[in-house]
Amino acid sequence: MISNDNEKILTEREVCNWLGVSEPTLFRHRRDGTGPTFIQLSARRVGYRHSAVEAWLSQREQHSLLRSEADGRPRDPTRADSR
């Protein structure tokens, strides 16, 4: 699919293949509002702008596995009160 501003509109299957996730997983992200923004093309069909998926991936980039559950900030593993 191609949009009118020359940006590629990806199908669900294309996004799933790109991300390496199943269609039900992508659906859950869409339903829960945790996935990339999408375009409702018809009652039963959605598309994703390539740039929207890229932006979503950028937001999910991590620089460390050490994250506090409470606030999402990196924890100091040398502190006794860190879990």
PDB file of N, CA and C in Angstrom:
ATOM      1  N   MET A   1       0.836  -1.188   0.000  1.00  0.00           N
ATOM      2  CA  MET A   1       0.000   0.000   0.000  1.00  0.00           C
ATOM      3  C   MET A   1       0.875   1.243   0.000  1.00  0.00           C
ATOM      4  N   ILE A   2       0.439   2.286  -0.667  1.00  0.00           N
ATOM      5  CA  ILE A   2       1.171   3.543  -0.713  1.00  0.00           C
ATOM      6  C   ILE A   2       0.203   4.674  -0.363  1.00  0.00           C
ATOM      7  N   SER A   3       0.659   5.599   0.471  1.00  0.00           N
ATOM      8  CA  SER A   3      -0.179   6.739   0.815  1.00  0.00           C
ATOM      9  C   SER A   3       0.034   7.843  -0.212  1.00  0.00           C
ATOM     10  N   ASN A   4      -0.773   8.885  -0.115  1.00  0.00           N
ATOM     11  CA  ASN A   4      -0.687   9.957  -1.097  1.00  0.00           C
ATOM     12  C   ASN A   4       0.508  10.881  -0.875  1.00  0.00           C
ATOM     13  N   ASP A   5       1.170  10.804   0.273  1.00  0.00           N
ATOM     14  CA  ASP A   5       2.348  11.646   0.498  1.00  0.00           C
ATOM     15  C   ASP A   5       3.641  10.851   0.283  1.00  0.00           C
ATOM     16  N   ASN A   6       3.555   9.777  -0.457  1.00  0.00           N
ATOM     17  CA  ASN A   6       4.681   8.931  -0.837  1.00  0.00           C
ATOM     18  C   ASN A   6       5.315   8.183   0.330  1.00  0.00           C
ATOM     19  N   GLU A   7       4.691   8.184   1.492  1.00  0.00           N
ATOM     20  CA  GLU A   7       5.196   7.379   2.598  1.00  0.00           C
ATOM     21  C   GLU A   7       4.533   6.015   2.538  1.00  0.00           C
ATOM     22  N   LYS A   8       5.304   4.997   2.689  1.00  0.00           N
ATOM     23  CA  LYS A   8       4.788   3.625   2.608  1.00  0.00           C
ATOM     24  C   LYS A   8       3.826   3.365   3.762  1.00  0.00           C
ATOM     25  N   ILE A   9       2.668   2.806   3.426  1.00  0.00           N
ATOM     26  CA  ILE A   9       1.717   2.325   4.417  1.00  0.00           C
ATOM     27  C   ILE A   9       1.862   0.811   4.436  1.00  0.00           C
ATOM     28  N   LEU A  10       2.182   0.287   5.604  1.00  0.00           N
ATOM     29  CA  LEU A  10       2.428  -1.141   5.753  1.00  0.00           C
ATOM     30  C   LEU A  10       1.168  -1.876   6.204  1.00  0.00           C
ATOM     31  N   THR A  11       1.009  -3.091   5.723  1.00  0.00           N
ATOM     32  CA  THR A  11      -0.091  -3.938   6.186  1.00  0.00           C
ATOM     33  C   THR A  11       0.268  -4.521   7.549  1.00  0.00           C
ATOM     34  N   GLU A  12      -0.713  -5.100   8.216  1.00  0.00           N
ATOM     35  CA  GLU A  12      -0.453  -5.779   9.489  1.00  0.00           C
ATOM     36  C   GLU A  12       0.606  -6.868   9.307  1.00  0.00           C
ATOM     37  N   ARG A  13       0.470  -7.641   8.269  1.00  0.00           N
ATOM     38  CA  ARG A  13       1.417  -8.737   8.035  1.00  0.00           C
ATOM     39  C   ARG A  13       2.829  -8.209   7.815  1.00  0.00           C
ATOM     40  N   GLU A  14       2.962  -7.119   7.063  1.00  0.00           N
ATOM     41  CA  GLU A  14       4.287  -6.541   6.835  1.00  0.00           C
ATOM     42  C   GLU A  14       4.915  -6.064   8.147  1.00  0.00           C
ATOM     43  N   VAL A  15       4.109  -5.434   8.999  1.00  0.00           N
ATOM     44  CA  VAL A  15       4.623  -4.962  10.290  1.00  0.00           C
ATOM     45  C   VAL A  15       5.004  -6.153  11.168  1.00  0.00           C
ATOM     46  N   CYS A  16       4.172  -7.167  11.186  1.00  0.00           N
ATOM     47  CA  CYS A  16       4.481  -8.370  11.975  1.00  0.00           C
ATOM     48  C   CYS A  16       5.779  -9.017  11.506  1.00  0.00           C
ATOM     49  N   ASN A  17       5.948  -9.144  10.206  1.00  0.00           N
ATOM     50  CA  ASN A  17       7.177  -9.720   9.668  1.00  0.00           C
ATOM     51  C   ASN A  17       8.389  -8.876  10.020  1.00  0.00           C
ATOM     52  N   TRP A  18       8.246  -7.571   9.916  1.00  0.00           N
ATOM     53  CA  TRP A  18       9.339  -6.653  10.223  1.00  0.00           C
ATOM     54  C   TRP A  18       9.742  -6.757  11.693  1.00  0.00           C
ATOM     55  N   LEU A  19       8.726  -6.773  12.586  1.00  0.00           N
ATOM     56  CA  LEU A  19       9.000  -6.779  14.022  1.00  0.00           C
ATOM     57  C   LEU A  19       9.259  -8.171  14.577  1.00  0.00           C
ATOM     58  N   GLY A  20       8.871  -9.193  13.825  1.00  0.00           N
ATOM     59  CA  GLY A  20       9.042 -10.554  14.310  1.00  0.00           C
ATOM     60  C   GLY A  20       8.039 -10.930  15.387  1.00  0.00           C
ATOM     61  N   VAL A  21       6.823 -10.386  15.267  1.00  0.00           N
ATOM     62  CA  VAL A  21       5.747 -10.702  16.213  1.00  0.00           C
ATOM     63  C   VAL A  21       4.563 -11.285  15.443  1.00  0.00           C
ATOM     64  N   SER A  22       3.677 -11.940  16.172  1.00  0.00           N
ATOM     65  CA  SER A  22       2.492 -12.520  15.543  1.00  0.00           C
ATOM     66  C   SER A  22       1.414 -11.456  15.348  1.00  0.00           C
ATOM     67  N   GLU A  23       0.461 -11.762  14.492  1.00  0.00           N
ATOM     68  CA  GLU A  23      -0.659 -10.836  14.291  1.00  0.00           C
ATOM     69  C   GLU A  23      -1.474 -10.644  15.570  1.00  0.00           C
ATOM     70  N   PRO A  24      -1.724 -11.715  16.364  1.00  0.00           N
ATOM     71  CA  PRO A  24      -2.424 -11.480  17.633  1.00  0.00           C
ATOM     72  C   PRO A  24      -1.655 -10.557  18.583  1.00  0.00           C
ATOM     73  N   THR A  25      -0.333 -10.642  18.583  1.00  0.00           N
ATOM     74  CA  THR A  25       0.454  -9.753  19.432  1.00  0.00           C
ATOM     75  C   THR A  25       0.312  -8.311  18.964  1.00  0.00           C
ATOM     76  N   LEU A  26       0.396  -8.090  17.664  1.00  0.00           N
ATOM     77  CA  LEU A  26       0.222  -6.735  17.137  1.00  0.00           C
ATOM     78  C   LEU A  26      -1.187  -6.226  17.438  1.00  0.00           C
ATOM     79  N   PHE A  27      -2.183  -7.097  17.329  1.00  0.00           N
ATOM     80  CA  PHE A  27      -3.554  -6.710  17.667  1.00  0.00           C
ATOM     81  C   PHE A  27      -3.649  -6.283  19.136  1.00  0.00           C
ATOM     82  N   ARG A  28      -3.034  -7.059  20.032  1.00  0.00           N
ATOM     83  CA  ARG A  28      -3.073  -6.711  21.462  1.00  0.00           C
ATOM     84  C   ARG A  28      -2.428  -5.350  21.701  1.00  0.00           C
ATOM     85  N   HIS A  29      -1.306  -5.090  21.037  1.00  0.00           N
ATOM     86  CA  HIS A  29      -0.676  -3.767  21.171  1.00  0.00           C
ATOM     87  C   HIS A  29      -1.624  -2.677  20.692  1.00  0.00           C
ATOM     88  N   ARG A  30      -2.314  -2.921  19.590  1.00  0.00           N
ATOM     89  CA  ARG A  30      -3.258  -1.935  19.052  1.00  0.00           C
ATOM     90  C   ARG A  30      -4.424  -1.742  20.018  1.00  0.00           C
ATOM     91  N   ARG A  31      -4.985  -2.844  20.505  1.00  0.00           N
ATOM     92  CA  ARG A  31      -6.114  -2.786  21.429  1.00  0.00           C
ATOM     93  C   ARG A  31      -5.752  -2.059  22.724  1.00  0.00           C
ATOM     94  N   ASP A  32      -4.548  -2.336  23.246  1.00  0.00           N
ATOM     95  CA  ASP A  32      -4.137  -1.783  24.537  1.00  0.00           C
ATOM     96  C   ASP A  32      -3.514  -0.392  24.422  1.00  0.00           C
ATOM     97  N   GLY A  33      -3.319   0.074  23.191  1.00  0.00           N
ATOM     98  CA  GLY A  33      -2.719   1.390  22.992  1.00  0.00           C
ATOM     99  C   GLY A  33      -1.223   1.410  23.266  1.00  0.00           C
ATOM    100  N   THR A  34      -0.568   0.251  23.195  1.00  0.00           N
ATOM    101  CA  THR A  34       0.864   0.163  23.483  1.00  0.00           C
ATOM    102  C   THR A  34       1.702  -0.013  22.225  1.00  0.00           C
ATOM    103  N   GLY A  35       1.083  -0.069  21.080  1.00  0.00           N
ATOM    104  CA  GLY A  35       1.812  -0.288  19.831  1.00  0.00           C
ATOM    105  C   GLY A  35       1.949   0.987  19.031  1.00  0.00           C
ATOM    106  N   PRO A  36       2.451   0.853  17.821  1.00  0.00           N
ATOM    107  CA  PRO A  36       2.578   2.028  16.957  1.00  0.00           C
ATOM    108  C   PRO A  36       1.200   2.561  16.554  1.00  0.00           C
ATOM    109  N   THR A  37       1.145   3.851  16.262  1.00  0.00           N
ATOM    110  CA  THR A  37      -0.124   4.408  15.795  1.00  0.00           C
ATOM    111  C   THR A  37      -0.470   3.760  14.457  1.00  0.00           C
ATOM    112  N   PHE A  38      -1.753   3.659  14.204  1.00  0.00           N
ATOM    113  CA  PHE A  38      -2.224   2.964  13.010  1.00  0.00           C
ATOM    114  C   PHE A  38      -3.300   3.773  12.316  1.00  0.00           C
ATOM    115  N   ILE A  39      -3.628   3.359  11.118  1.00  0.00           N
ATOM    116  CA  ILE A  39      -4.658   4.009  10.310  1.00  0.00           C
ATOM    117  C   ILE A  39      -5.769   2.998  10.078  1.00  0.00           C
ATOM    118  N   GLN A  40      -6.997   3.369  10.408  1.00  0.00           N
ATOM    119  CA  GLN A  40      -8.151   2.496  10.161  1.00  0.00           C
ATOM    120  C   GLN A  40      -8.556   2.688   8.704  1.00  0.00           C
ATOM    121  N   LEU A  41      -8.159   1.744   7.868  1.00  0.00           N
ATOM    122  CA  LEU A  41      -8.409   1.856   6.433  1.00  0.00           C
ATOM    123  C   LEU A  41      -9.834   1.492   6.054  1.00  0.00           C
ATOM    124  N   SER A  42     -10.406   0.550   6.775  1.00  0.00           N
ATOM    125  CA  SER A  42     -11.800   0.147   6.579  1.00  0.00           C
ATOM    126  C   SER A  42     -12.256  -0.494   7.887  1.00  0.00           C
ATOM    127  N   ALA A  43     -13.460  -1.011   7.889  1.00  0.00           N
ATOM    128  CA  ALA A  43     -13.984  -1.619   9.116  1.00  0.00           C
ATOM    129  C   ALA A  43     -13.131  -2.794   9.597  1.00  0.00           C
ATOM    130  N   ARG A  44     -12.474  -3.487   8.669  1.00  0.00           N
ATOM    131  CA  ARG A  44     -11.714  -4.685   9.043  1.00  0.00           C
ATOM    132  C   ARG A  44     -10.247  -4.639   8.640  1.00  0.00           C
ATOM    133  N   ARG A  45      -9.765  -3.465   8.281  1.00  0.00           N
ATOM    134  CA  ARG A  45      -8.380  -3.387   7.800  1.00  0.00           C
ATOM    135  C   ARG A  45      -7.685  -2.151   8.367  1.00  0.00           C
ATOM    136  N   VAL A  46      -6.469  -2.361   8.869  1.00  0.00           N
ATOM    137  CA  VAL A  46      -5.666  -1.255   9.370  1.00  0.00           C
ATOM    138  C   VAL A  46      -4.330  -1.234   8.634  1.00  0.00           C
ATOM    139  N   GLY A  47      -3.699  -0.093   8.659  1.00  0.00           N
ATOM    140  CA  GLY A  47      -2.369   0.073   8.083  1.00  0.00           C
ATOM    141  C   GLY A  47      -1.509   0.847   9.057  1.00  0.00           C
ATOM    142  N   TYR A  48      -0.223   0.815   8.827  1.00  0.00           N
ATOM    143  CA  TYR A  48       0.743   1.494   9.681  1.00  0.00           C
ATOM    144  C   TYR A  48       1.688   2.298   8.805  1.00  0.00           C
ATOM    145  N   ARG A  49       1.867   3.576   9.129  1.00  0.00           N
ATOM    146  CA  ARG A  49       2.868   4.369   8.433  1.00  0.00           C
ATOM    147  C   ARG A  49       4.245   3.855   8.853  1.00  0.00           C
ATOM    148  N   HIS A  50       5.132   3.737   7.889  1.00  0.00           N
ATOM    149  CA  HIS A  50       6.487   3.290   8.180  1.00  0.00           C
ATOM    150  C   HIS A  50       7.113   4.172   9.264  1.00  0.00           C
ATOM    151  N   SER A  51       6.907   5.480   9.168  1.00  0.00           N
ATOM    152  CA  SER A  51       7.485   6.418  10.137  1.00  0.00           C
ATOM    153  C   SER A  51       6.899   6.221  11.537  1.00  0.00           C
ATOM    154  N   ALA A  52       5.628   5.825  11.632  1.00  0.00           N
ATOM    155  CA  ALA A  52       5.010   5.600  12.939  1.00  0.00           C
ATOM    156  C   ALA A  52       5.623   4.386  13.623  1.00  0.00           C
ATOM    157  N   VAL A  53       5.895   3.343  12.842  1.00  0.00           N
ATOM    158  CA  VAL A  53       6.517   2.147  13.414  1.00  0.00           C
ATOM    159  C   VAL A  53       7.948   2.473  13.832  1.00  0.00           C
ATOM    160  N   GLU A  54       8.668   3.232  13.005  1.00  0.00           N
ATOM    161  CA  GLU A  54      10.030   3.647  13.355  1.00  0.00           C
ATOM    162  C   GLU A  54      10.032   4.468  14.648  1.00  0.00           C
ATOM    163  N   ALA A  55       9.095   5.397  14.782  1.00  0.00           N
ATOM    164  CA  ALA A  55       9.011   6.231  15.989  1.00  0.00           C
ATOM    165  C   ALA A  55       8.709   5.369  17.214  1.00  0.00           C
ATOM    166  N   TRP A  56       7.797   4.413  17.078  1.00  0.00           N
ATOM    167  CA  TRP A  56       7.452   3.515  18.177  1.00  0.00           C
ATOM    168  C   TRP A  56       8.667   2.699  18.589  1.00  0.00           C
ATOM    169  N   LEU A  57       9.415   2.197  17.614  1.00  0.00           N
ATOM    170  CA  LEU A  57      10.627   1.445  17.923  1.00  0.00           C
ATOM    171  C   LEU A  57      11.644   2.320  18.647  1.00  0.00           C
ATOM    172  N   SER A  58      11.799   3.555  18.221  1.00  0.00           N
ATOM    173  CA  SER A  58      12.739   4.468  18.875  1.00  0.00           C
ATOM    174  C   SER A  58      12.366   4.708  20.329  1.00  0.00           C
ATOM    175  N   GLN A  59      11.059   4.832  20.607  1.00  0.00           N
ATOM    176  CA  GLN A  59      10.598   5.047  21.975  1.00  0.00           C
ATOM    177  C   GLN A  59      10.865   3.833  22.856  1.00  0.00           C
ATOM    178  N   ARG A  60      10.957   2.662  22.265  1.00  0.00           N
ATOM    179  CA  ARG A  60      11.149   1.428  23.015  1.00  0.00           C
ATOM    180  C   ARG A  60      12.614   1.056  23.201  1.00  0.00           C
ATOM    181  N   GLU A  61      13.516   1.844  22.604  1.00  0.00           N
ATOM    182  CA  GLU A  61      14.938   1.539  22.752  1.00  0.00           C
ATOM    183  C   GLU A  61      15.343   1.652  24.213  1.00  0.00           C
ATOM    184  N   GLN A  62      16.149   0.707  24.648  1.00  0.00           N
ATOM    185  CA  GLN A  62      16.630   0.660  26.029  1.00  0.00           C
ATOM    186  C   GLN A  62      18.144   0.766  26.022  1.00  0.00           C
ATOM    187  N   HIS A  63      18.678   1.421  27.027  1.00  0.00           N
ATOM    188  CA  HIS A  63      20.121   1.536  27.165  1.00  0.00           C
ATOM    189  C   HIS A  63      20.636   0.669  28.298  1.00  0.00           C
ATOM    190  N   SER A  64      19.723   0.108  29.082  1.00  0.00           N
ATOM    191  CA  SER A  64      20.116  -0.736  30.197  1.00  0.00           C
ATOM    192  C   SER A  64      18.958  -1.648  30.557  1.00  0.00           C
ATOM    193  N   LEU A  65      19.261  -2.805  31.073  1.00  0.00           N
ATOM    194  CA  LEU A  65      18.221  -3.706  31.566  1.00  0.00           C
ATOM    195  C   LEU A  65      17.811  -3.355  32.981  1.00  0.00           C
ATOM    196  N   LEU A  66      18.601  -2.537  33.658  1.00  0.00           N
ATOM    197  CA  LEU A  66      18.320  -2.171  35.040  1.00  0.00           C
ATOM    198  C   LEU A  66      17.331  -1.025  35.078  1.00  0.00           C
ATOM    199  N   ARG A  67      16.100  -1.320  35.401  1.00  0.00           N
ATOM    200  CA  ARG A  67      15.048  -0.309  35.497  1.00  0.00           C
ATOM    201  C   ARG A  67      14.292  -0.507  36.800  1.00  0.00           C
ATOM    202  N   SER A  68      13.930   0.571  37.427  1.00  0.00           N
ATOM    203  CA  SER A  68      13.106   0.504  38.625  1.00  0.00           C
ATOM    204  C   SER A  68      11.675   0.203  38.213  1.00  0.00           C
ATOM    205  N   GLU A  69      11.025  -0.686  38.912  1.00  0.00           N
ATOM    206  CA  GLU A  69       9.628  -0.993  38.593  1.00  0.00           C
ATOM    207  C   GLU A  69       8.726   0.180  38.908  1.00  0.00           C
ATOM    208  N   ALA A  70       9.086   0.977  39.918  1.00  0.00           N
ATOM    209  CA  ALA A  70       8.213   2.063  40.362  1.00  0.00           C
ATOM    210  C   ALA A  70       8.197   3.234  39.382  1.00  0.00           C
ATOM    211  N   ASP A  71       9.366   3.686  38.931  1.00  0.00           N
ATOM    212  CA  ASP A  71       9.369   4.909  38.144  1.00  0.00           C
ATOM    213  C   ASP A  71      10.033   4.769  36.779  1.00  0.00           C
ATOM    214  N   GLY A  72      10.550   3.598  36.460  1.00  0.00           N
ATOM    215  CA  GLY A  72      11.143   3.375  35.156  1.00  0.00           C
ATOM    216  C   GLY A  72      12.543   3.925  34.994  1.00  0.00           C
ATOM    217  N   ARG A  73      13.096   4.551  36.045  1.00  0.00           N
ATOM    218  CA  ARG A  73      14.455   5.081  35.965  1.00  0.00           C
ATOM    219  C   ARG A  73      15.472   3.983  36.252  1.00  0.00           C
ATOM    220  N   PRO A  74      16.666   4.135  35.742  1.00  0.00           N
ATOM    221  CA  PRO A  74      17.695   3.137  36.007  1.00  0.00           C
ATOM    222  C   PRO A  74      17.973   3.001  37.497  1.00  0.00           C
ATOM    223  N   ARG A  75      18.188   1.767  37.939  1.00  0.00           N
ATOM    224  CA  ARG A  75      18.517   1.510  39.336  1.00  0.00           C
ATOM    225  C   ARG A  75      20.032   1.435  39.480  1.00  0.00           C
ATOM    226  N   ASP A  76      20.495   1.684  40.682  1.00  0.00           N
ATOM    227  CA  ASP A  76      21.899   1.514  41.012  1.00  0.00           C
ATOM    228  C   ASP A  76      22.045   0.144  41.676  1.00  0.00           C
ATOM    229  N   PRO A  77      22.631  -0.849  40.972  1.00  0.00           N
ATOM    230  CA  PRO A  77      22.725  -2.189  41.544  1.00  0.00           C
ATOM    231  C   PRO A  77      23.671  -2.281  42.732  1.00  0.00           C
ATOM    232  N   THR A  78      24.469  -1.238  42.989  1.00  0.00           N
ATOM    233  CA  THR A  78      25.393  -1.265  44.126  1.00  0.00           C
ATOM    234  C   THR A  78      24.722  -0.816  45.422  1.00  0.00           C
ATOM    235  N   ARG A  79      23.539  -0.232  45.332  1.00  0.00           N
ATOM    236  CA  ARG A  79      22.828   0.219  46.530  1.00  0.00           C
ATOM    237  C   ARG A  79      22.035  -0.912  47.126  1.00  0.00           C
ATOM    238  N   ALA A  80      22.020  -1.008  48.438  1.00  0.00           N
ATOM    239  CA  ALA A  80      21.328  -2.079  49.133  1.00  0.00           C
ATOM    240  C   ALA A  80      19.814  -2.002  48.947  1.00  0.00           C
ATOM    241  N   ASP A  81      19.265  -0.804  48.804  1.00  0.00           N
ATOM    242  CA  ASP A  81      17.810  -0.674  48.671  1.00  0.00           C
ATOM    243  C   ASP A  81      17.312  -0.930  47.247  1.00  0.00           C
ATOM    244  N   SER A  82      18.223  -1.170  46.311  1.00  0.00           N
ATOM    245  CA  SER A  82      17.826  -1.491  44.928  1.00  0.00           C
ATOM    246  C   SER A  82      17.492  -2.947  44.823  1.00  0.00           C
ATOM    247  N   ARG A  83      16.463  -3.278  44.054  1.00  0.00           N
ATOM    248  CA  ARG A  83      16.098  -4.679  43.843  1.00  0.00           C
ATOM    249  C   ARG A  83      16.577  -5.135  42.518  1.00  0.00           C
TER     250      ARG A  83
END
